[in-house]
Amino acid sequence: MASTHPAGAGASGPPAKVLVEPDGPVLRITLDRPAKANALDADMIEQLSRALTRLSEDSGLRAAVIHGNGKHFTGGLDLASVAPRLAAGDDSLLPRDGRDPWGLYRAPAGKPVVTAVHGRCFTAGLELVLNSEICVAAEDTVFGQQEVSRGIIALGGAPIRLPQRVGWGNAMRYLLTGDTFDAREAWRIGLVQEVVPAGEQLDRAMELAHRIAAQAPLAVQATLTDARAVLAGHVEASAAALQGDVGPRLFATADAAEGVTSLIERRPPVFRGR
């Protein structure tokens, strides 16, 4: 793979706590604050935002994987540094110019994201999972959305997205108690899509991301946009767009012709995004 680079940290700026590493069309994004359980402070939120902005804006990138170095994916927000600012009404933690890592305050990354989680996946980390398309969890993963036990509310959208992902009762079971749960329970309720042996989650997530990146980019983005619109409650508008513009436009692309030709010729397709 290519060398790893910091996301938005310069020589005179904050230390790199989020690393980015392009692997062909897949951007590997690494939470890299292992001594602090990858707890997200203001610098990490900013750097993660820049990484997701790069994913959206770089035409050579088609998908991303987010994972964490060390023993944990992330323990959530670094409350020691973040909570006083939030309590004082300081909203500068929310990215203003780049992509919002939770896709709640600003549009999410326009390309699919796969999360590879292990160890602790708490609060803001679970919300990163909820803002991803696919999650691969190591069997040692422990999940928790524990804001209710701290007298606060999840700011990254868990009260909105968790019921959508796992159903009302499953979501309330954990949102209202603050109880933790393991990878098998996360799979049972539909939060994660695969559970793998510890240490294999990144390889499996990268494999899935590369499989997505090998598909027709315009079709992937149209599918993602349409599915997100339905989740947001815009079912009729989404159906109208499919029938009136999106569907016919995709059928007229070179990639659509390549998809049919490759099927007839019994060979893997080569999509070019046009």
C-alpha atoms as a PDB file:
ATOM      1  CA  MET A   1       0.000   0.000   0.000  1.00  0.00           C
ATOM      2  CA  ALA A   2       0.949   3.638  -0.339  1.00  0.00           C
ATOM      3  CA  SER A   3       2.492   5.522   2.537  1.00  0.00           C
ATOM      4  CA  THR A   4       0.231   6.880   5.236  1.00  0.00           C
ATOM      5  CA  HIS A   5      -0.355  10.615   5.524  1.00  0.00           C
ATOM      6  CA  PRO A   6      -2.029  12.816   8.123  1.00  0.00           C
ATOM      7  CA  ALA A   7      -5.439  14.229   7.348  1.00  0.00           C
ATOM      8  CA  GLY A   8      -5.156  17.979   7.488  1.00  0.00           C
ATOM      9  CA  ALA A   9      -2.242  18.309   9.933  1.00  0.00           C
ATOM     10  CA  GLY A  10       0.614  20.497   8.813  1.00  0.00           C
ATOM     11  CA  ALA A  11       4.105  20.974  10.219  1.00  0.00           C
ATOM     12  CA  SER A  12       2.896  23.835  12.424  1.00  0.00           C
ATOM     13  CA  GLY A  13      -0.580  22.438  13.039  1.00  0.00           C
ATOM     14  CA  PRO A  14      -1.929  19.859  15.483  1.00  0.00           C
ATOM     15  CA  PRO A  15      -0.324  16.414  15.496  1.00  0.00           C
ATOM     16  CA  ALA A  16      -1.788  13.876  13.087  1.00  0.00           C
ATOM     17  CA  LYS A  17      -4.432  11.825  14.855  1.00  0.00           C
ATOM     18  CA  VAL A  18      -6.216  10.669  11.712  1.00  0.00           C
ATOM     19  CA  LEU A  19      -4.205   9.092   8.910  1.00  0.00           C
ATOM     20  CA  VAL A  20      -5.223   8.637   5.279  1.00  0.00           C
ATOM     21  CA  GLU A  21      -3.824   6.055   2.899  1.00  0.00           C
ATOM     22  CA  PRO A  22      -5.147   5.638  -0.656  1.00  0.00           C
ATOM     23  CA  ASP A  23      -5.177   2.020  -1.784  1.00  0.00           C
ATOM     24  CA  GLY A  24      -6.147   2.427  -5.420  1.00  0.00           C
ATOM     25  CA  PRO A  25      -9.765   3.645  -5.457  1.00  0.00           C
ATOM     26  CA  VAL A  26     -10.257   3.013  -1.716  1.00  0.00           C
ATOM     27  CA  LEU A  27      -9.242   5.560   0.919  1.00  0.00           C
ATOM     28  CA  ARG A  28      -8.171   3.962   4.197  1.00  0.00           C
ATOM     29  CA  ILE A  29      -8.873   6.332   7.100  1.00  0.00           C
ATOM     30  CA  THR A  30      -7.214   5.436  10.404  1.00  0.00           C
ATOM     31  CA  LEU A  31      -8.067   6.824  13.831  1.00  0.00           C
ATOM     32  CA  ASP A  32      -4.596   7.076  15.342  1.00  0.00           C
ATOM     33  CA  ARG A  33      -4.707   8.070  18.990  1.00  0.00           C
ATOM     34  CA  PRO A  34      -4.292   4.607  20.503  1.00  0.00           C
ATOM     35  CA  ALA A  35      -2.947   5.743  23.886  1.00  0.00           C
ATOM     36  CA  LYS A  36      -6.306   7.496  24.471  1.00  0.00           C
ATOM     37  CA  ALA A  37      -8.468   4.667  23.057  1.00  0.00           C
ATOM     38  CA  ASN A  38      -8.830   6.805  19.915  1.00  0.00           C
ATOM     39  CA  ALA A  39     -11.132   9.169  21.808  1.00  0.00           C
ATOM     40  CA  LEU A  40     -12.201  11.927  19.420  1.00  0.00           C
ATOM     41  CA  ASP A  41     -11.065  15.407  20.416  1.00  0.00           C
ATOM     42  CA  ALA A  42     -11.499  18.581  18.368  1.00  0.00           C
ATOM     43  CA  ASP A  43      -8.368  17.928  16.290  1.00  0.00           C
ATOM     44  CA  MET A  44      -9.515  14.425  15.390  1.00  0.00           C
ATOM     45  CA  ILE A  45     -12.982  15.619  14.396  1.00  0.00           C
ATOM     46  CA  GLU A  46     -11.441  18.236  12.115  1.00  0.00           C
ATOM     47  CA  GLN A  47      -8.980  15.769  10.590  1.00  0.00           C
ATOM     48  CA  LEU A  48     -11.687  13.160  10.068  1.00  0.00           C
ATOM     49  CA  SER A  49     -13.804  15.804   8.383  1.00  0.00           C
ATOM     50  CA  ARG A  50     -10.931  16.611   6.004  1.00  0.00           C
ATOM     51  CA  ALA A  51     -10.464  12.924   5.194  1.00  0.00           C
ATOM     52  CA  LEU A  52     -14.140  12.525   4.307  1.00  0.00           C
ATOM     53  CA  THR A  53     -14.020  15.724   2.265  1.00  0.00           C
ATOM     54  CA  ARG A  54     -11.136  14.258   0.302  1.00  0.00           C
ATOM     55  CA  LEU A  55     -13.175  11.110  -0.326  1.00  0.00           C
ATOM     56  CA  SER A  56     -16.054  13.172  -1.689  1.00  0.00           C
ATOM     57  CA  GLU A  57     -13.983  15.477  -3.878  1.00  0.00           C
ATOM     58  CA  ASP A  58     -11.291  13.153  -5.279  1.00  0.00           C
ATOM     59  CA  SER A  59     -12.629  11.622  -8.513  1.00  0.00           C
ATOM     60  CA  GLY A  60     -10.122   8.785  -8.258  1.00  0.00           C
ATOM     61  CA  LEU A  61     -11.603   7.564  -4.967  1.00  0.00           C
ATOM     62  CA  ARG A  62     -14.734   5.422  -4.963  1.00  0.00           C
ATOM     63  CA  ALA A  63     -15.075   4.208  -1.364  1.00  0.00           C
ATOM     64  CA  ALA A  64     -13.460   4.440   2.071  1.00  0.00           C
ATOM     65  CA  VAL A  65     -12.758   2.292   5.105  1.00  0.00           C
ATOM     66  CA  ILE A  66     -12.570   3.787   8.607  1.00  0.00           C
ATOM     67  CA  HIS A  67     -10.785   1.802  11.305  1.00  0.00           C
ATOM     68  CA  GLY A  68      -8.710   2.428  14.425  1.00  0.00           C
ATOM     69  CA  ASN A  69      -5.141   1.694  15.476  1.00  0.00           C
ATOM     70  CA  GLY A  70      -4.472   0.063  18.827  1.00  0.00           C
ATOM     71  CA  LYS A  71      -6.803  -1.925  21.061  1.00  0.00           C
ATOM     72  CA  HIS A  72      -9.985  -0.011  20.250  1.00  0.00           C
ATOM     73  CA  PHE A  73     -11.891   1.502  17.345  1.00  0.00           C
ATOM     74  CA  THR A  74     -12.787   4.482  19.539  1.00  0.00           C
ATOM     75  CA  GLY A  75     -14.012   5.088  23.051  1.00  0.00           C
ATOM     76  CA  GLY A  76     -16.153   7.954  21.709  1.00  0.00           C
ATOM     77  CA  LEU A  77     -15.756  11.672  22.280  1.00  0.00           C
ATOM     78  CA  ASP A  78     -12.917  12.902  24.469  1.00  0.00           C
ATOM     79  CA  LEU A  79     -15.278  14.375  27.059  1.00  0.00           C
ATOM     80  CA  ALA A  80     -12.478  15.917  29.111  1.00  0.00           C
ATOM     81  CA  SER A  81     -11.678  18.283  26.255  1.00  0.00           C
ATOM     82  CA  VAL A  82     -14.986  18.434  24.398  1.00  0.00           C
ATOM     83  CA  ALA A  83     -17.674  18.530  27.095  1.00  0.00           C
ATOM     84  CA  PRO A  84     -16.750  21.946  28.596  1.00  0.00           C
ATOM     85  CA  ARG A  85     -16.949  23.530  25.151  1.00  0.00           C
ATOM     86  CA  LEU A  86     -20.292  21.934  24.401  1.00  0.00           C
ATOM     87  CA  ALA A  87     -21.674  22.950  27.798  1.00  0.00           C
ATOM     88  CA  ALA A  88     -20.634  26.545  27.090  1.00  0.00           C
ATOM     89  CA  GLY A  89     -22.544  26.479  23.795  1.00  0.00           C
ATOM     90  CA  ASP A  90     -19.411  26.388  21.647  1.00  0.00           C
ATOM     91  CA  ASP A  91     -20.466  24.846  18.333  1.00  0.00           C
ATOM     92  CA  SER A  92     -17.037  25.229  16.686  1.00  0.00           C
ATOM     93  CA  LEU A  93     -16.515  21.467  17.042  1.00  0.00           C
ATOM     94  CA  LEU A  94     -18.914  20.944  14.161  1.00  0.00           C
ATOM     95  CA  PRO A  95     -17.040  21.111  10.837  1.00  0.00           C
ATOM     96  CA  ARG A  96     -17.914  24.262   8.917  1.00  0.00           C
ATOM     97  CA  ASP A  97     -16.058  23.792   5.647  1.00  0.00           C
ATOM     98  CA  GLY A  98     -15.682  20.030   5.323  1.00  0.00           C
ATOM     99  CA  ARG A  99     -17.812  16.926   5.557  1.00  0.00           C
ATOM    100  CA  ASP A 100     -19.517  16.212   8.844  1.00  0.00           C
ATOM    101  CA  PRO A 101     -18.235  12.830  10.120  1.00  0.00           C
ATOM    102  CA  TRP A 102     -21.748  11.968  11.320  1.00  0.00           C
ATOM    103  CA  GLY A 103     -23.579  13.236   8.267  1.00  0.00           C
ATOM    104  CA  LEU A 104     -26.151  14.971  10.450  1.00  0.00           C
ATOM    105  CA  TYR A 105     -25.227  18.643  10.332  1.00  0.00           C
ATOM    106  CA  ARG A 106     -23.923  18.557   6.761  1.00  0.00           C
ATOM    107  CA  ALA A 107     -24.351  16.109   3.897  1.00  0.00           C
ATOM    108  CA  PRO A 108     -22.480  12.820   4.414  1.00  0.00           C
ATOM    109  CA  ALA A 109     -19.667  11.714   2.154  1.00  0.00           C
ATOM    110  CA  GLY A 110     -21.066  11.129  -1.332  1.00  0.00           C
ATOM    111  CA  LYS A 111     -19.378   7.740  -1.662  1.00  0.00           C
ATOM    112  CA  PRO A 112     -19.797   4.517   0.330  1.00  0.00           C
ATOM    113  CA  VAL A 113     -17.987   4.111   3.646  1.00  0.00           C
ATOM    114  CA  VAL A 114     -17.242   0.791   5.354  1.00  0.00           C
ATOM    115  CA  THR A 115     -16.340   0.784   9.057  1.00  0.00           C
ATOM    116  CA  ALA A 116     -14.051  -1.880  10.536  1.00  0.00           C
ATOM    117  CA  VAL A 117     -14.497  -1.901  14.306  1.00  0.00           C
ATOM    118  CA  HIS A 118     -12.917  -3.711  17.237  1.00  0.00           C
ATOM    119  CA  GLY A 119     -12.492  -3.280  20.987  1.00  0.00           C
ATOM    120  CA  ARG A 120     -14.555  -0.348  22.221  1.00  0.00           C
ATOM    121  CA  CYS A 121     -16.968   1.215  19.760  1.00  0.00           C
ATOM    122  CA  PHE A 122     -18.710   3.715  21.996  1.00  0.00           C
ATOM    123  CA  THR A 123     -20.937   6.783  21.512  1.00  0.00           C
ATOM    124  CA  ALA A 124     -19.443   8.894  18.683  1.00  0.00           C
ATOM    125  CA  GLY A 125     -17.807   5.742  17.339  1.00  0.00           C
ATOM    126  CA  LEU A 126     -21.133   3.943  17.137  1.00  0.00           C
ATOM    127  CA  GLU A 127     -22.478   7.007  15.372  1.00  0.00           C
ATOM    128  CA  LEU A 128     -19.703   6.667  12.768  1.00  0.00           C
ATOM    129  CA  VAL A 129     -20.992   3.135  12.210  1.00  0.00           C
ATOM    130  CA  LEU A 130     -24.518   4.484  11.774  1.00  0.00           C
ATOM    131  CA  ASN A 131     -23.255   6.939   9.146  1.00  0.00           C
ATOM    132  CA  SER A 132     -21.493   4.177   7.212  1.00  0.00           C
ATOM    133  CA  GLU A 133     -23.041   1.846   4.673  1.00  0.00           C
ATOM    134  CA  ILE A 134     -21.507  -1.405   5.954  1.00  0.00           C
ATOM    135  CA  CYS A 135     -19.880  -2.362   9.245  1.00  0.00           C
ATOM    136  CA  VAL A 136     -17.526  -5.291   9.793  1.00  0.00           C
ATOM    137  CA  ALA A 137     -17.012  -6.016  13.494  1.00  0.00           C
ATOM    138  CA  ALA A 138     -14.306  -8.073  15.153  1.00  0.00           C
ATOM    139  CA  GLU A 139     -15.778 -10.621  17.534  1.00  0.00           C
ATOM    140  CA  ASP A 140     -14.153  -8.781  20.467  1.00  0.00           C
ATOM    141  CA  THR A 141     -16.065  -5.534  19.797  1.00  0.00           C
ATOM    142  CA  VAL A 142     -18.124  -3.974  22.578  1.00  0.00           C
ATOM    143  CA  PHE A 143     -20.687  -1.341  21.577  1.00  0.00           C
ATOM    144  CA  GLY A 144     -22.226   1.329  23.752  1.00  0.00           C
ATOM    145  CA  GLN A 145     -24.362   4.470  23.362  1.00  0.00           C
ATOM    146  CA  GLN A 146     -24.054   5.730  26.909  1.00  0.00           C
ATOM    147  CA  GLU A 147     -24.944   9.414  26.844  1.00  0.00           C
ATOM    148  CA  VAL A 148     -28.074   8.830  28.937  1.00  0.00           C
ATOM    149  CA  SER A 149     -25.791   7.623  31.753  1.00  0.00           C
ATOM    150  CA  ARG A 150     -23.890  10.921  31.586  1.00  0.00           C
ATOM    151  CA  GLY A 151     -26.961  13.142  31.623  1.00  0.00           C
ATOM    152  CA  ILE A 152     -26.517  14.213  27.983  1.00  0.00           C
ATOM    153  CA  ILE A 153     -27.809  13.216  24.540  1.00  0.00           C
ATOM    154  CA  ALA A 154     -26.032  11.726  21.536  1.00  0.00           C
ATOM    155  CA  LEU A 155     -25.103  14.647  19.268  1.00  0.00           C
ATOM    156  CA  GLY A 156     -24.172  12.569  16.228  1.00  0.00           C
ATOM    157  CA  GLY A 157     -27.674  11.376  15.452  1.00  0.00           C
ATOM    158  CA  ALA A 158     -27.985   8.029  17.261  1.00  0.00           C
ATOM    159  CA  PRO A 159     -31.541   8.756  18.527  1.00  0.00           C
ATOM    160  CA  ILE A 160     -32.489   9.313  14.868  1.00  0.00           C
ATOM    161  CA  ARG A 161     -30.462   6.675  13.054  1.00  0.00           C
ATOM    162  CA  LEU A 162     -30.324   3.754  15.475  1.00  0.00           C
ATOM    163  CA  PRO A 163     -34.117   3.137  15.344  1.00  0.00           C
ATOM    164  CA  GLN A 164     -33.915   3.315  11.552  1.00  0.00           C
ATOM    165  CA  ARG A 165     -31.114   0.755  11.470  1.00  0.00           C
ATOM    166  CA  VAL A 166     -32.171  -1.760  14.118  1.00  0.00           C
ATOM    167  CA  GLY A 167     -35.846  -1.060  14.871  1.00  0.00           C
ATOM    168  CA  TRP A 168     -37.520   0.897  17.643  1.00  0.00           C
ATOM    169  CA  GLY A 169     -37.404  -1.654  20.451  1.00  0.00           C
ATOM    170  CA  ASN A 170     -33.816  -2.743  19.802  1.00  0.00           C
ATOM    171  CA  ALA A 171     -32.689   0.889  19.708  1.00  0.00           C
ATOM    172  CA  MET A 172     -34.531   1.912  22.857  1.00  0.00           C
ATOM    173  CA  ARG A 173     -33.200  -1.151  24.697  1.00  0.00           C
ATOM    174  CA  TYR A 174     -29.705   0.348  24.530  1.00  0.00           C
ATOM    175  CA  LEU A 175     -30.317   4.088  24.100  1.00  0.00           C
ATOM    176  CA  LEU A 176     -32.415   4.296  27.267  1.00  0.00           C
ATOM    177  CA  THR A 177     -30.313   2.018  29.497  1.00  0.00           C
ATOM    178  CA  GLY A 178     -26.785   2.876  28.377  1.00  0.00           C
ATOM    179  CA  ASP A 179     -26.005  -0.865  28.473  1.00  0.00           C
ATOM    180  CA  THR A 180     -23.166  -2.188  26.349  1.00  0.00           C
ATOM    181  CA  PHE A 181     -23.570  -5.110  23.931  1.00  0.00           C
ATOM    182  CA  ASP A 182     -21.260  -7.393  22.000  1.00  0.00           C
ATOM    183  CA  ALA A 183     -20.628  -8.007  18.304  1.00  0.00           C
ATOM    184  CA  ARG A 184     -23.020 -10.951  18.039  1.00  0.00           C
ATOM    185  CA  GLU A 185     -25.848  -8.875  19.507  1.00  0.00           C
ATOM    186  CA  ALA A 186     -24.956  -6.051  17.117  1.00  0.00           C
ATOM    187  CA  TRP A 187     -25.219  -8.511  14.236  1.00  0.00           C
ATOM    188  CA  ARG A 188     -28.502  -9.930  15.551  1.00  0.00           C
ATOM    189  CA  ILE A 189     -30.192  -6.543  15.630  1.00  0.00           C
ATOM    190  CA  GLY A 190     -28.727  -5.455  12.277  1.00  0.00           C
ATOM    191  CA  LEU A 191     -26.216  -2.843  13.387  1.00  0.00           C
ATOM    192  CA  VAL A 192     -23.301  -4.703  11.797  1.00  0.00           C
ATOM    193  CA  GLN A 193     -23.306  -6.829   8.675  1.00  0.00           C
ATOM    194  CA  GLU A 194     -20.448  -9.223   9.407  1.00  0.00           C
ATOM    195  CA  VAL A 195     -18.636 -10.504  12.500  1.00  0.00           C
ATOM    196  CA  VAL A 196     -15.109 -11.829  11.939  1.00  0.00           C
ATOM    197  CA  PRO A 197     -12.271 -13.112  14.154  1.00  0.00           C
ATOM    198  CA  ALA A 198     -10.364 -10.361  15.957  1.00  0.00           C
ATOM    199  CA  GLY A 199      -7.645  -8.952  13.745  1.00  0.00           C
ATOM    200  CA  GLU A 200      -9.418  -9.734  10.465  1.00  0.00           C
ATOM    201  CA  GLN A 201     -11.872  -6.841  10.419  1.00  0.00           C
ATOM    202  CA  LEU A 202      -9.703  -4.410   8.428  1.00  0.00           C
ATOM    203  CA  ASP A 203      -8.798  -6.909   5.709  1.00  0.00           C
ATOM    204  CA  ARG A 204     -12.440  -7.901   5.290  1.00  0.00           C
ATOM    205  CA  ALA A 205     -13.607  -4.279   5.224  1.00  0.00           C
ATOM    206  CA  MET A 206     -10.972  -3.412   2.608  1.00  0.00           C
ATOM    207  CA  GLU A 207     -12.060  -6.397   0.527  1.00  0.00           C
ATOM    208  CA  LEU A 208     -15.672  -5.220   0.596  1.00  0.00           C
ATOM    209  CA  ALA A 209     -14.680  -1.618  -0.198  1.00  0.00           C
ATOM    210  CA  HIS A 210     -12.660  -2.776  -3.203  1.00  0.00           C
ATOM    211  CA  ARG A 211     -15.613  -4.840  -4.410  1.00  0.00           C
ATOM    212  CA  ILE A 212     -17.809  -1.741  -4.200  1.00  0.00           C
ATOM    213  CA  ALA A 213     -15.140   0.345  -5.945  1.00  0.00           C
ATOM    214  CA  ALA A 214     -15.082  -2.146  -8.830  1.00  0.00           C
ATOM    215  CA  GLN A 215     -18.756  -1.481  -9.602  1.00  0.00           C
ATOM    216  CA  ALA A 216     -20.040   1.259 -11.918  1.00  0.00           C
ATOM    217  CA  PRO A 217     -19.399   4.494  -9.941  1.00  0.00           C
ATOM    218  CA  LEU A 218     -22.424   6.391 -11.249  1.00  0.00           C
ATOM    219  CA  ALA A 219     -24.711   3.477 -10.420  1.00  0.00           C
ATOM    220  CA  VAL A 220     -23.222   3.140  -6.928  1.00  0.00           C
ATOM    221  CA  GLN A 221     -23.672   6.839  -6.204  1.00  0.00           C
ATOM    222  CA  ALA A 222     -27.218   6.870  -7.598  1.00  0.00           C
ATOM    223  CA  THR A 223     -28.135   3.854  -5.467  1.00  0.00           C
ATOM    224  CA  LEU A 224     -26.625   5.449  -2.379  1.00  0.00           C
ATOM    225  CA  THR A 225     -28.362   8.780  -2.980  1.00  0.00           C
ATOM    226  CA  ASP A 226     -31.713   7.100  -3.583  1.00  0.00           C
ATOM    227  CA  ALA A 227     -31.463   4.878  -0.505  1.00  0.00           C
ATOM    228  CA  ARG A 228     -30.520   7.824   1.716  1.00  0.00           C
ATOM    229  CA  ALA A 229     -33.458   9.818   0.386  1.00  0.00           C
ATOM    230  CA  VAL A 230     -35.825   6.996   1.306  1.00  0.00           C
ATOM    231  CA  LEU A 231     -34.354   6.813   4.826  1.00  0.00           C
ATOM    232  CA  ALA A 232     -34.938  10.552   5.131  1.00  0.00           C
ATOM    233  CA  GLY A 233     -38.607   9.996   4.326  1.00  0.00           C
ATOM    234  CA  HIS A 234     -38.572  11.223   0.729  1.00  0.00           C
ATOM    235  CA  VAL A 235     -40.032   8.054  -0.764  1.00  0.00           C
ATOM    236  CA  GLU A 236     -42.266   9.623  -3.417  1.00  0.00           C
ATOM    237  CA  ALA A 237     -39.587  12.077  -4.579  1.00  0.00           C
ATOM    238  CA  SER A 238     -37.058   9.263  -4.744  1.00  0.00           C
ATOM    239  CA  ALA A 239     -39.379   7.072  -6.829  1.00  0.00           C
ATOM    240  CA  ALA A 240     -40.146   9.972  -9.158  1.00  0.00           C
ATOM    241  CA  ALA A 241     -36.438  10.681  -9.665  1.00  0.00           C
ATOM    242  CA  LEU A 242     -35.759   7.041 -10.496  1.00  0.00           C
ATOM    243  CA  GLN A 243     -38.485   6.937 -13.114  1.00  0.00           C
ATOM    244  CA  GLY A 244     -38.093  10.416 -14.512  1.00  0.00           C
ATOM    245  CA  ASP A 245     -34.364  11.106 -14.634  1.00  0.00           C
ATOM    246  CA  VAL A 246     -31.949   8.893 -12.727  1.00  0.00           C
ATOM    247  CA  GLY A 247     -32.901   5.562 -14.302  1.00  0.00           C
ATOM    248  CA  PRO A 248     -32.944   6.646 -17.968  1.00  0.00           C
ATOM    249  CA  ARG A 249     -29.734   8.642 -17.503  1.00  0.00           C
ATOM    250  CA  LEU A 250     -27.892   5.628 -16.138  1.00  0.00           C
ATOM    251  CA  PHE A 251     -29.168   3.356 -18.908  1.00  0.00           C
ATOM    252  CA  ALA A 252     -27.593   5.755 -21.426  1.00  0.00           C
ATOM    253  CA  THR A 253     -24.086   5.653 -19.904  1.00  0.00           C
ATOM    254  CA  ALA A 254     -21.050   3.884 -21.332  1.00  0.00           C
ATOM    255  CA  ASP A 255     -20.789   1.921 -18.091  1.00  0.00           C
ATOM    256  CA  ALA A 256     -24.287   0.502 -18.614  1.00  0.00           C
ATOM    257  CA  ALA A 257     -23.289  -0.629 -22.096  1.00  0.00           C
ATOM    258  CA  GLU A 258     -20.112  -2.154 -20.666  1.00  0.00           C
ATOM    259  CA  GLY A 259     -22.128  -3.996 -18.020  1.00  0.00           C
ATOM    260  CA  VAL A 260     -24.333  -5.640 -20.659  1.00  0.00           C
ATOM    261  CA  THR A 261     -21.419  -6.364 -23.020  1.00  0.00           C
ATOM    262  CA  SER A 262     -19.312  -7.955 -20.283  1.00  0.00           C
ATOM    263  CA  LEU A 263     -22.269 -10.154 -19.289  1.00  0.00           C
ATOM    264  CA  ILE A 264     -22.695 -11.353 -22.872  1.00  0.00           C
ATOM    265  CA  GLU A 265     -18.956 -11.904 -23.266  1.00  0.00           C
ATOM    266  CA  ARG A 266     -18.717 -13.608 -19.869  1.00  0.00           C
ATOM    267  CA  ARG A 267     -15.891 -11.443 -18.561  1.00  0.00           C
ATOM    268  CA  PRO A 268     -15.471  -9.027 -15.625  1.00  0.00           C
ATOM    269  CA  PRO A 269     -16.667  -5.517 -16.481  1.00  0.00           C
ATOM    270  CA  VAL A 270     -14.335  -2.545 -16.590  1.00  0.00           C
ATOM    271  CA  PHE A 271     -16.210   0.555 -15.450  1.00  0.00           C
ATOM    272  CA  ARG A 272     -14.860   4.054 -16.062  1.00  0.00           C
ATOM    273  CA  GLY A 273     -17.489   6.227 -14.458  1.00  0.00           C
ATOM    274  CA  ARG A 274     -19.066   7.602 -17.599  1.00  0.00           C
END
